Protein backbone atom coordinates (compact mmCIF):
# COMPACT_ATOMS: atom_id res chain seq x y z
CA THR A 1 -5.93 -37.47 36.01
CA THR A 2 -5.13 -39.33 39.39
CA ALA A 3 -1.48 -38.77 39.91
CA LEU A 4 -0.69 -38.18 43.56
CA ILE A 5 2.30 -38.28 45.91
CA PRO A 6 1.53 -39.15 49.57
CA GLY A 7 2.20 -36.22 51.72
CA LYS A 8 3.08 -33.68 48.92
CA LYS A 9 1.31 -31.39 46.47
CA ALA A 10 -0.09 -33.25 43.49
CA PRO A 11 2.46 -33.08 40.41
CA ILE A 12 1.26 -30.71 37.62
CA MET A 13 0.59 -33.07 34.54
CA PHE A 14 -0.95 -30.54 32.17
CA THR A 15 -0.10 -27.02 31.94
CA LYS A 16 -2.09 -23.99 30.87
CA GLU A 17 -0.55 -23.99 27.51
CA MET A 18 -1.52 -27.64 27.06
CA ILE A 19 -5.19 -26.87 27.79
CA ALA A 20 -5.31 -24.06 25.78
CA ARG A 21 -4.40 -26.27 22.61
CA MET A 22 -7.45 -28.53 23.43
CA LYS A 23 -10.49 -28.37 21.16
CA PRO A 24 -13.48 -26.42 22.42
CA GLY A 25 -15.89 -28.74 24.27
CA SER A 26 -13.36 -30.76 25.94
CA VAL A 27 -13.47 -31.85 29.45
CA THR A 28 -10.77 -32.45 32.01
CA VAL A 29 -11.67 -34.30 35.24
CA ASP A 30 -8.97 -33.74 37.91
CA LEU A 31 -9.48 -36.28 40.64
CA ALA A 32 -6.47 -35.14 42.53
CA ALA A 33 -7.99 -31.61 43.07
CA SER A 34 -8.02 -32.23 46.86
CA ASN A 35 -4.23 -32.00 46.78
CA GLY A 36 -3.84 -29.04 44.35
CA GLY A 37 -4.57 -30.92 41.20
CA ASN A 38 -2.77 -32.39 38.18
CA ILE A 39 -4.09 -29.67 35.92
CA GLU A 40 -2.85 -26.24 36.23
CA THR A 41 -6.40 -24.61 35.38
CA THR A 42 -8.00 -26.71 38.05
CA VAL A 43 -9.95 -24.98 40.75
CA MET A 44 -10.94 -27.19 43.65
CA ASP A 45 -14.45 -27.93 44.32
CA LYS A 46 -15.72 -26.05 41.09
CA ALA A 47 -16.26 -26.24 37.45
CA VAL A 48 -14.50 -23.69 35.44
CA VAL A 49 -14.52 -22.99 31.63
CA THR A 50 -11.53 -21.65 29.88
CA GLY A 51 -11.42 -19.20 27.36
CA ASN A 52 -11.17 -21.73 24.58
CA GLY A 53 -13.98 -23.62 25.85
CA VAL A 54 -12.51 -26.27 27.66
CA THR A 55 -14.43 -27.62 30.90
CA CYS A 56 -12.10 -28.28 33.95
CA LEU A 57 -13.94 -30.13 36.74
CA GLY A 58 -12.26 -30.01 40.21
CA TYR A 59 -14.82 -31.64 42.36
CA THR A 60 -13.46 -33.34 45.45
CA ASP A 61 -16.87 -35.23 46.23
CA LEU A 62 -17.14 -36.91 42.71
CA ASN A 63 -17.79 -40.15 44.74
CA SER A 64 -21.05 -38.68 46.46
CA ARG A 65 -21.93 -37.02 43.13
CA LEU A 66 -21.95 -40.37 41.44
CA ALA A 67 -22.90 -42.75 44.58
CA SER A 68 -24.50 -45.48 42.84
CA VAL A 69 -22.38 -45.56 39.54
CA SER A 70 -19.21 -45.46 41.25
CA SER A 71 -19.89 -47.91 43.68
CA THR A 72 -21.21 -50.26 41.25
CA LEU A 73 -18.07 -49.88 39.03
CA PHE A 74 -15.77 -50.04 42.28
CA ALA A 75 -17.38 -53.28 43.29
CA ASN A 76 -17.15 -54.61 39.80
CA ASN A 77 -13.45 -53.77 39.81
CA GLN A 78 -12.74 -55.21 43.19
CA SER A 79 -14.56 -58.57 42.49
CA LYS A 80 -12.82 -58.86 39.07
CA PHE A 81 -9.34 -58.30 40.92
CA ILE A 82 -10.36 -60.89 43.53
CA LEU A 83 -11.37 -63.38 41.04
CA SER A 84 -8.23 -62.76 39.10
CA VAL A 85 -6.02 -63.76 41.98
CA GLY A 86 -6.41 -67.54 41.54
CA PRO A 87 -8.41 -68.75 38.32
CA GLN A 88 -6.03 -66.79 36.04
CA THR A 89 -3.67 -70.10 35.81
CA LYS A 90 -5.47 -72.59 37.67
CA LYS A 91 -8.88 -72.12 36.03
CA ALA A 92 -10.82 -73.40 38.91
CA LYS A 93 -14.30 -71.95 38.77
CA GLY A 94 -15.95 -70.97 42.01
CA GLU A 95 -12.58 -71.33 43.92
CA TRP A 96 -10.41 -68.60 45.29
CA PHE A 97 -6.95 -69.04 46.35
CA ILE A 98 -3.55 -67.06 46.10
CA ASP A 99 -1.57 -68.43 43.11
CA HIS A 100 2.09 -68.12 43.74
CA ASP A 101 2.79 -69.29 40.25
CA ASP A 102 1.58 -66.26 38.84
CA GLU A 103 4.01 -63.68 38.73
CA VAL A 104 1.43 -60.86 38.82
CA VAL A 105 -0.22 -62.01 41.79
CA ARG A 106 3.13 -63.01 43.65
CA GLY A 107 4.42 -59.74 42.89
CA MET A 108 1.34 -57.89 44.70
CA LEU A 109 1.50 -60.26 47.53
CA VAL A 110 3.04 -58.44 50.98
CA THR A 111 1.72 -60.74 53.59
CA GLU A 112 0.09 -64.20 53.89
CA ARG A 113 -1.15 -65.73 57.06
CA GLY A 114 1.01 -63.48 59.25
CA GLU A 115 4.08 -64.15 57.18
CA LEU A 116 5.83 -61.49 55.05
CA ARG A 117 6.01 -62.20 51.44
CA PHE A 118 7.36 -59.25 50.12
CA PRO A 119 9.70 -58.81 48.03
CA ALA A 120 8.88 -61.69 45.76
CA PRO A 121 11.59 -63.98 44.53
CA PRO A 122 12.93 -63.05 40.99
CA PRO A 123 11.06 -65.06 38.44
CA LYS A 124 12.83 -68.05 37.02
CA PRO A 125 14.60 -67.44 33.82
CA LYS A 126 12.92 -68.74 30.83
CA LYS A 127 14.47 -71.52 28.85
CA GLN A 128 15.99 -70.30 25.74
CA PRO A 129 15.70 -72.73 22.79
CA SER A 130 18.76 -74.02 21.48
CA LYS A 131 19.95 -73.62 17.95
CA LYS A 132 19.31 -77.24 17.44
CA GLU A 133 15.50 -76.86 18.35
CA GLU A 134 15.26 -74.19 15.62
CA LYS A 135 13.26 -75.12 12.42
CA PRO A 136 15.44 -75.62 9.50
CA PRO A 137 14.94 -72.69 6.94
CA GLU A 138 13.15 -75.01 4.49
CA ASP A 139 10.36 -75.46 6.92
CA ARG A 140 9.61 -71.93 7.37
CA LEU A 141 6.68 -70.44 5.63
CA PRO A 142 7.63 -68.26 2.46
CA THR A 143 7.83 -64.71 2.51
CA LEU A 144 4.81 -62.90 0.81
CA PRO A 145 5.86 -60.84 -2.19
CA ILE A 146 5.58 -57.07 -1.70
CA PRO A 147 3.45 -55.18 -4.23
CA ASP A 148 5.52 -52.85 -6.62
CA PRO A 149 4.56 -49.47 -5.25
CA THR A 150 5.23 -48.07 -8.81
CA ASP A 151 2.51 -50.35 -10.36
CA PHE A 152 -0.19 -47.75 -10.42
CA ALA A 153 -2.51 -49.84 -12.66
CA ARG A 154 -2.84 -52.58 -9.93
CA PRO A 155 -5.87 -51.38 -7.99
CA TYR A 156 -7.69 -50.49 -11.13
CA ARG A 157 -7.25 -54.15 -12.49
CA SER A 158 -8.58 -55.26 -9.17
CA GLY A 159 -11.35 -53.01 -9.32
CA ALA A 160 -12.27 -53.80 -12.77
CA PHE A 161 -12.15 -57.71 -12.02
CA ASN A 162 -14.61 -57.16 -8.87
CA CYS A 163 -16.83 -55.11 -11.13
CA THR A 164 -16.80 -57.71 -13.80
CA VAL A 165 -17.65 -60.45 -11.06
CA ALA A 166 -20.58 -58.24 -9.60
CA ALA A 167 -22.04 -57.51 -13.06
CA VAL A 168 -22.04 -61.23 -14.12
CA LEU A 169 -23.59 -62.31 -10.83
CA ALA A 170 -26.29 -59.31 -11.26
CA LEU A 171 -27.08 -60.61 -14.94
CA LEU A 172 -27.33 -64.12 -13.77
CA LEU A 173 -29.96 -62.99 -11.01
CA GLY A 174 -31.72 -61.08 -13.57
CA VAL A 175 -32.20 -64.03 -15.89
CA GLY A 176 -33.51 -66.25 -12.92
CA CYS A 177 -35.60 -63.46 -11.65
CA PRO A 178 -39.30 -65.05 -11.24
CA SER A 179 -41.33 -62.12 -11.45
CA ALA A 180 -41.53 -58.17 -11.44
CA GLY A 181 -42.55 -58.19 -7.77
CA PHE A 182 -39.20 -60.03 -7.00
CA ALA A 183 -37.07 -57.63 -9.04
CA SER A 184 -38.85 -54.78 -7.15
CA MET A 185 -37.99 -56.14 -3.70
CA LEU A 186 -34.54 -56.97 -4.96
CA LEU A 187 -34.01 -53.25 -6.14
CA VAL A 188 -35.27 -52.07 -2.54
CA LEU A 189 -32.74 -54.37 -0.70
CA ALA A 190 -29.89 -53.33 -2.84
CA LEU A 191 -30.56 -49.43 -2.38
CA SER A 192 -31.35 -49.71 1.35
CA THR A 193 -28.05 -51.66 1.84
CA VAL A 194 -26.19 -48.91 -0.01
CA VAL A 195 -27.87 -46.18 1.88
CA GLY A 196 -27.61 -48.05 5.19
CA TYR A 197 -23.80 -48.75 4.90
CA GLN A 198 -23.27 -44.97 3.79
CA THR A 199 -25.20 -43.65 6.68
CA VAL A 200 -23.61 -45.98 9.41
CA TRP A 201 -20.19 -45.12 8.04
CA GLY A 202 -20.51 -41.48 8.94
CA VAL A 203 -21.23 -42.18 12.70
CA THR A 204 -18.95 -41.02 15.03
CA PRO A 205 -17.08 -43.88 16.98
CA ALA A 206 -18.02 -42.50 20.33
CA LEU A 207 -21.80 -42.87 19.50
CA HIS A 208 -21.47 -46.33 18.19
CA SER A 209 -23.21 -47.75 21.39
CA PRO A 210 -26.39 -45.37 20.84
CA LEU A 211 -26.12 -46.20 17.10
CA MET A 212 -26.62 -49.93 17.97
CA ALA A 213 -29.55 -49.15 20.18
CA VAL A 214 -31.25 -47.01 17.69
CA THR A 215 -30.76 -49.57 14.72
CA ASN A 216 -32.15 -52.15 17.29
CA ALA A 217 -35.25 -49.90 18.06
CA ILE A 218 -35.82 -49.43 14.38
CA SER A 219 -35.64 -53.08 13.55
CA GLY A 220 -38.74 -53.39 15.87
CA VAL A 221 -40.74 -52.79 12.87
CA THR A 222 -41.15 -56.41 12.52
CA ALA A 223 -44.43 -55.41 14.37
CA LEU A 224 -45.88 -54.50 10.98
CA GLY A 225 -45.35 -58.10 10.04
CA GLY A 226 -47.11 -59.30 12.99
CA MET A 227 -49.83 -56.95 12.77
CA ARG A 228 -50.72 -58.12 9.36
CA GLN A 229 -51.04 -61.70 10.84
CA MET A 230 -53.49 -60.66 13.44
CA GLY A 231 -57.04 -61.43 13.23
CA GLY A 232 -60.11 -62.94 14.78
CA GLY A 233 -61.85 -60.97 17.33
CA PHE A 234 -61.13 -59.54 20.79
CA VAL A 235 -58.86 -62.87 21.00
CA PRO A 236 -57.10 -64.73 18.14
CA GLU A 237 -59.02 -67.43 16.56
CA ASP A 238 -56.38 -69.73 15.32
CA LEU A 239 -52.69 -70.60 15.66
CA ALA A 240 -51.59 -68.09 12.88
CA HIS A 241 -53.56 -65.18 14.57
CA TRP A 242 -51.84 -66.18 18.05
CA LEU A 243 -48.48 -66.22 16.41
CA GLY A 244 -49.00 -62.71 14.83
CA ALA A 245 -50.17 -61.21 18.01
CA VAL A 246 -47.16 -62.70 19.97
CA ALA A 247 -44.79 -61.31 17.50
CA THR A 248 -46.37 -58.00 17.68
CA LEU A 249 -46.04 -58.04 21.48
CA ALA A 250 -42.32 -58.90 21.22
CA SER A 251 -41.78 -56.19 18.82
CA VAL A 252 -43.65 -53.58 20.94
CA ILE A 253 -41.70 -54.35 23.82
CA ASN A 254 -38.45 -53.85 21.78
CA LEU A 255 -39.84 -50.60 20.42
CA ALA A 256 -40.93 -49.09 23.80
CA GLY A 257 -38.04 -50.25 25.83
CA GLY A 258 -35.34 -49.86 23.16
CA SER A 259 -36.39 -46.16 22.35
CA LEU A 260 -36.34 -45.42 26.04
CA VAL A 261 -32.82 -47.02 26.39
CA VAL A 262 -31.25 -44.87 23.56
CA GLY A 263 -32.48 -41.74 25.19
CA LYS A 264 -30.80 -42.87 28.42
CA MET A 265 -27.47 -43.69 26.61
CA LEU A 266 -27.51 -40.17 24.86
CA ASP A 267 -28.08 -38.66 28.28
CA HIS A 268 -24.72 -39.88 29.20
CA PHE A 269 -23.12 -37.90 26.48
CA ARG A 270 -24.92 -34.66 27.39
CA ARG A 271 -22.81 -31.87 28.90
CA SER A 272 -23.87 -29.35 31.39
CA THR A 273 -22.76 -26.47 28.85
CA ASP A 274 -24.83 -27.72 26.02
CA PRO A 275 -27.77 -25.45 25.05
CA PRO A 276 -31.40 -26.27 25.86
CA GLU A 277 -33.20 -28.54 23.47
CA TYR A 278 -36.89 -28.12 22.58
CA LEU A 279 -37.31 -31.33 20.59
CA HIS A 280 -41.07 -31.57 21.92
CA TYR A 281 -41.87 -28.98 18.97
CA TYR A 282 -41.49 -31.80 16.48
CA VAL A 283 -44.90 -33.32 17.91
CA LEU A 284 -46.74 -30.87 15.86
CA PRO A 285 -45.71 -32.08 12.33
CA MET A 286 -46.33 -35.70 13.62
CA ILE A 287 -49.90 -34.79 14.88
CA VAL A 288 -50.53 -32.86 11.43
CA THR A 289 -49.18 -35.83 9.49
CA VAL A 290 -51.03 -38.53 11.24
CA ALA A 291 -54.35 -36.60 11.43
CA GLY A 292 -54.04 -35.56 7.59
CA TYR A 293 -53.47 -39.17 6.79
CA ALA A 294 -56.45 -40.40 8.59
CA SER A 295 -58.63 -37.70 7.21
CA ALA A 296 -57.35 -38.65 3.68
CA LEU A 297 -58.21 -42.35 4.37
CA GLY A 298 -61.41 -41.89 6.12
CA PHE A 299 -63.17 -38.84 4.32
CA GLY A 300 -61.43 -38.57 0.96
CA GLY A 301 -61.03 -42.26 0.15
CA PHE A 302 -57.51 -41.78 -1.11
CA VAL A 303 -55.32 -44.61 -1.35
CA PHE A 304 -51.91 -43.25 -2.43
CA PRO A 305 -51.12 -41.22 0.84
CA THR A 306 -50.28 -44.66 2.33
CA SER A 307 -47.36 -45.03 0.09
CA VAL A 308 -46.23 -41.48 0.76
CA VAL A 309 -46.59 -42.02 4.74
CA GLU A 310 -44.59 -45.30 4.13
CA THR A 311 -41.81 -43.44 2.28
CA MET A 312 -41.87 -40.62 4.99
CA SER A 313 -41.34 -43.39 7.69
CA GLY A 314 -38.39 -44.86 5.98
CA LEU A 315 -36.67 -41.38 5.39
CA LEU A 316 -37.10 -40.59 9.02
CA CYS A 317 -35.66 -43.67 10.12
CA ILE A 318 -32.58 -43.13 7.82
CA GLY A 319 -32.40 -39.67 9.19
CA GLY A 320 -32.24 -40.99 12.71
CA ILE A 321 -29.39 -43.18 11.92
CA ALA A 322 -27.61 -40.21 10.34
CA GLY A 323 -28.41 -37.95 13.25
CA LEU A 324 -25.89 -39.90 15.11
CA ALA A 325 -23.18 -38.79 13.11
CA THR A 326 -22.26 -35.89 15.53
CA GLN A 327 -23.16 -35.52 19.08
CA LYS A 328 -24.88 -31.92 18.27
CA THR A 329 -27.63 -33.90 16.33
CA ALA A 330 -27.72 -37.16 18.07
CA ARG A 331 -30.78 -36.43 20.24
CA LEU A 332 -32.53 -34.95 17.24
CA GLY A 333 -31.84 -38.29 15.14
CA HIS A 334 -33.43 -40.12 18.11
CA VAL A 335 -36.57 -38.25 17.49
CA SER A 336 -36.41 -38.67 14.14
CA SER A 337 -36.16 -42.56 14.35
CA VAL A 338 -39.06 -42.54 16.74
CA ALA A 339 -41.24 -40.42 14.23
CA GLY A 340 -40.10 -42.77 11.65
CA ILE A 341 -41.22 -45.92 13.72
CA THR A 342 -44.66 -44.38 14.65
CA LEU A 343 -45.50 -43.41 10.86
CA GLY A 344 -44.60 -46.84 9.90
CA LEU A 345 -47.10 -48.16 12.38
CA VAL A 346 -49.82 -45.70 11.35
CA ALA A 347 -49.34 -46.58 7.68
CA SER A 348 -49.74 -50.28 8.30
CA LEU A 349 -52.79 -49.58 10.37
CA GLY A 350 -54.28 -47.83 7.42
CA SER A 351 -53.14 -50.23 4.98
CA ILE A 352 -55.00 -53.18 6.79
CA ALA A 353 -58.03 -51.01 7.84
CA PRO A 354 -60.44 -52.75 5.10
CA ILE A 355 -59.33 -56.13 6.58
CA TRP A 356 -59.51 -55.62 10.37
CA THR A 357 -62.90 -55.53 12.43
CA TRP A 358 -63.09 -53.08 15.23
CA GLN A 359 -62.78 -56.07 17.63
CA VAL A 360 -59.23 -56.56 16.22
CA TYR A 361 -58.36 -52.97 16.87
CA VAL A 362 -59.32 -53.65 20.48
CA GLN A 363 -57.04 -56.80 20.45
CA PHE A 364 -54.16 -54.81 18.89
CA ALA A 365 -54.58 -51.83 21.36
CA CYS A 366 -54.47 -54.59 24.23
CA VAL A 367 -51.31 -55.87 22.71
CA VAL A 368 -49.81 -52.49 22.27
CA ALA A 369 -50.57 -51.61 25.93
CA ILE A 370 -49.30 -54.70 27.51
CA GLY A 371 -46.10 -54.63 25.38
CA GLY A 372 -45.47 -50.89 26.15
CA VAL A 373 -45.81 -51.54 29.92
CA LEU A 374 -43.29 -54.45 29.95
CA GLY A 375 -41.00 -52.35 27.86
CA VAL A 376 -40.93 -49.50 30.33
CA SER A 377 -40.79 -51.59 33.19
CA ILE A 378 -37.43 -53.23 31.83
CA TYR A 379 -36.07 -49.68 31.01
CA THR A 380 -36.75 -48.39 34.58
CA LYS A 381 -34.68 -51.37 36.09
CA VAL A 382 -31.80 -50.83 33.79
CA ASP A 383 -28.59 -49.30 35.38
CA PRO A 384 -25.83 -47.56 33.28
CA THR A 385 -23.56 -50.57 33.54
CA SER A 386 -26.19 -52.90 31.97
CA LEU A 387 -27.21 -51.05 28.93
CA PRO A 388 -25.26 -53.01 26.44
CA GLN A 389 -26.82 -56.65 27.68
CA THR A 390 -30.27 -54.87 27.72
CA VAL A 391 -29.86 -53.81 23.96
CA ALA A 392 -29.12 -57.44 23.42
CA GLY A 393 -31.92 -58.72 25.09
CA PHE A 394 -34.16 -56.36 23.36
CA HIS A 395 -32.84 -57.40 20.07
CA SER A 396 -33.54 -61.03 20.46
CA LEU A 397 -37.26 -60.00 20.54
CA VAL A 398 -36.74 -58.84 17.11
CA GLY A 399 -35.59 -62.18 15.88
CA LEU A 400 -38.37 -64.00 17.64
CA ALA A 401 -41.01 -61.70 16.19
CA ALA A 402 -39.56 -62.41 12.77
CA VAL A 403 -39.46 -66.22 13.17
CA LEU A 404 -43.17 -66.02 14.67
CA THR A 405 -44.32 -63.80 11.67
CA ALA A 406 -42.88 -66.13 9.15
CA VAL A 407 -44.30 -69.27 10.72
CA SER A 408 -47.82 -67.59 10.82
CA ASP A 409 -47.51 -66.29 7.24
CA PHE A 410 -46.75 -70.16 6.26
CA ILE A 411 -49.74 -71.36 8.12
CA ASP A 412 -51.93 -69.03 6.04
CA PHE A 413 -49.98 -69.86 2.81
CA SER A 414 -50.91 -73.67 3.62
CA THR A 415 -54.44 -73.01 3.91
CA GLU A 416 -54.92 -70.51 1.09
CA ASP A 417 -55.98 -71.36 -2.63
CA GLN A 418 -52.61 -70.66 -4.51
CA GLY A 419 -54.39 -70.54 -7.89
CA GLY A 420 -55.68 -67.24 -9.29
CA ASP A 421 -54.23 -64.28 -11.01
CA SER A 422 -51.43 -63.27 -8.67
CA GLU A 423 -48.66 -61.81 -10.56
CA ASP A 424 -45.85 -63.13 -8.14
CA PRO A 425 -45.45 -67.10 -7.97
CA GLU A 426 -45.64 -68.82 -4.77
CA VAL A 427 -41.74 -69.19 -4.72
CA VAL A 428 -41.50 -65.38 -3.90
CA ARG A 429 -43.60 -65.63 -0.87
CA LEU A 430 -41.62 -68.97 0.32
CA VAL A 431 -38.41 -67.64 -0.15
CA ALA A 432 -39.31 -64.54 1.96
CA ILE A 433 -40.78 -66.96 4.61
CA GLY A 434 -37.54 -69.00 4.79
CA LEU A 435 -35.21 -66.10 4.76
CA ALA A 436 -37.19 -64.43 7.61
CA THR A 437 -37.23 -67.61 9.71
CA ALA A 438 -33.40 -68.25 9.04
CA ILE A 439 -32.28 -64.56 9.89
CA GLY A 440 -34.68 -64.29 12.70
CA GLY A 441 -33.61 -67.73 14.35
CA VAL A 442 -29.86 -66.67 14.13
CA THR A 443 -30.74 -63.29 15.66
CA PHE A 444 -32.85 -64.91 18.50
CA THR A 445 -30.45 -67.32 19.78
CA GLY A 446 -27.22 -65.26 19.03
CA SER A 447 -28.70 -62.25 20.87
CA LEU A 448 -29.44 -64.18 23.81
CA ILE A 449 -26.04 -65.61 24.00
CA ALA A 450 -24.56 -62.06 23.54
CA MET A 451 -26.65 -60.87 26.38
CA SER A 452 -25.83 -63.67 28.67
CA LYS A 453 -22.08 -63.10 27.96
CA LEU A 454 -22.33 -59.25 28.73
CA ALA A 455 -24.35 -60.04 31.80
CA GLY A 456 -21.76 -62.58 33.23
CA LEU A 457 -24.49 -65.29 33.13
CA LEU A 458 -22.00 -67.38 30.61
CA SER A 459 -18.26 -67.11 30.49
CA SER A 460 -16.75 -64.75 28.11
CA ALA A 461 -14.49 -67.38 26.66
CA PRO A 462 -15.30 -68.81 23.34
CA LEU A 463 -16.69 -72.35 23.06
CA LYS A 464 -14.07 -73.67 20.96
CA LEU A 465 -15.21 -77.04 19.63
CA PRO A 466 -12.46 -79.10 17.99
CA PHE A 467 -14.93 -79.42 14.95
CA ARG A 468 -16.18 -75.93 14.98
CA ASP A 469 -15.60 -74.88 11.56
CA PRO A 470 -16.79 -77.98 9.96
CA LEU A 471 -20.08 -77.79 11.96
CA ASN A 472 -20.76 -74.51 10.77
CA LEU A 473 -20.30 -75.50 7.21
CA VAL A 474 -22.42 -78.51 7.67
CA LEU A 475 -25.15 -76.40 9.22
CA ALA A 476 -25.00 -73.71 6.65
CA THR A 477 -25.13 -76.16 3.84
CA ALA A 478 -28.05 -77.86 5.49
CA LEU A 479 -29.87 -74.52 5.93
CA VAL A 480 -29.37 -73.69 2.26
CA GLY A 481 -30.79 -77.08 1.41
CA ALA A 482 -33.85 -76.78 3.68
CA LEU A 483 -34.51 -73.42 2.01
CA GLY A 484 -34.37 -74.88 -1.41
CA VAL A 485 -36.96 -77.76 -0.59
CA LEU A 486 -39.14 -75.07 1.11
CA ALA A 487 -39.17 -73.06 -2.18
CA TRP A 488 -39.30 -75.96 -4.47
CA ASP A 489 -42.33 -76.72 -6.67
CA LEU A 490 -43.94 -79.88 -5.20
CA ASP A 491 -46.97 -81.65 -5.83
CA PRO A 492 -49.92 -81.26 -3.65
CA ALA A 493 -49.38 -84.75 -2.30
CA GLN A 494 -45.88 -83.48 -1.31
CA GLU A 495 -46.96 -80.19 0.63
CA TYR A 496 -45.85 -81.87 3.99
CA LEU A 497 -42.36 -81.71 2.89
CA ARG A 498 -42.66 -77.89 3.00
CA ALA A 499 -43.74 -78.09 6.73
CA ILE A 500 -40.83 -80.30 7.44
CA SER A 501 -38.26 -78.21 5.60
CA LEU A 502 -39.52 -74.89 7.45
CA ALA A 503 -38.99 -76.75 10.76
CA THR A 504 -35.72 -77.74 9.73
CA VAL A 505 -34.74 -74.17 8.82
CA THR A 506 -36.24 -72.90 12.06
CA GLY A 507 -34.05 -75.58 14.24
CA ILE A 508 -30.79 -74.94 12.25
CA SER A 509 -30.91 -71.38 12.40
CA LEU A 510 -31.56 -71.62 16.19
CA VAL A 511 -28.55 -73.74 16.60
CA LEU A 512 -26.32 -71.91 14.23
CA GLY A 513 -27.18 -68.49 15.79
CA LEU A 514 -26.14 -70.06 19.42
CA HIS A 515 -22.89 -71.95 18.15
CA LEU A 516 -21.79 -68.76 16.06
CA VAL A 517 -21.80 -66.22 18.92
CA HIS A 518 -20.80 -68.68 21.63
CA SER A 519 -17.79 -69.80 19.61
């Protein structure tokens, strides 16, 4: 509360009875405490807790307590106020002037160049449309019919129709399913979509910003794909290996910096009355799991523990998102997501152990070290007001890693012998490469535009091209066509068409992500 009357005691806006009805854990901040306060329970320069668990802050030195944050926010408000004086109506970028045609600005103007401008002249009456200018009744849009509230069967009919359409689409997908492996991946995708939807739906709205940061950090598991594309020795030997190393580096930057940003976000929700937390105790089960898994692979020769650790990784990541459902479990959810990401990396290292040489492990360690240092350095330079654009910037690295990994896999695909006894036809792999490129490209450029808008580098106003929707439709159609050519069964002499189609998918997805977010 900030209600003040010059020269008088601050008026009481909230009585003791009102505070008594607030929920436990609520906080009141009385910025008028120096003049008696707007809240009856306020004690000047103290923080008191009422009988029903409401914390009442009456500090009169909040500006000095939050010097950097308050200065940044105040400067931002002042700059936005100054910029709003002129360009609101004239739209002259970089030019400041006092716009007398703006009723709000003219009403605030007191003096200008030594001349009194107050009070402002009354606004000009707006011209009322005459009856002749009104559209005739026949040109007006028809009124939509109101559903009959007594038609209780209507939602059931709609639901049955939707389920029928979904069943037909599922059967058509099953008929056209190319292999058992494709069906298995489809099952995982469907179940993960349902679980993700239900998990995110239960998150408290106040924690949506940390939720985006957590999901962004989890999406950094694109490092797993980049790791599988790494190879060579101490340094990558060919283009595919280099792309895999760069993709892993981008993902590690996001994992390290993104996870720390989540912690910083959750610190802003922490209250002084919250009980102490001992989350470091959860390091013990992590050590036991990693050590046991390494022992099972190294000394026992077991193979199936990898699948178990991968399942644990997925469950912990889901638990990390679910933990953000309440403020009480949010920090524990953060720890769960970090543990899930760690186990995912460990399981991937275990699964590719027969392929990598010790020189590649050294290469991977260097990539992780460089990515970790870069991620931490970015985190240390982030202030509270720039957290959203930082998350968007980290998310662009996820899209970049997906594109690089897909292109690297395509290079391997082009140089491998596609014959043999492989259960899955090459179309499954090509579809996965195409979708990873398309989704990653849209994510990369879209996140960069979002970061630029949030940081003020680009105008927040939409692009609004006159042919915006037709352009999106044409780009989407061309993208689907290029994906079709990529996965088509071509003759060996026409393999070059696949490379052209992948380049087309990459270019279109980058342009589509830029245009969708900027518009």
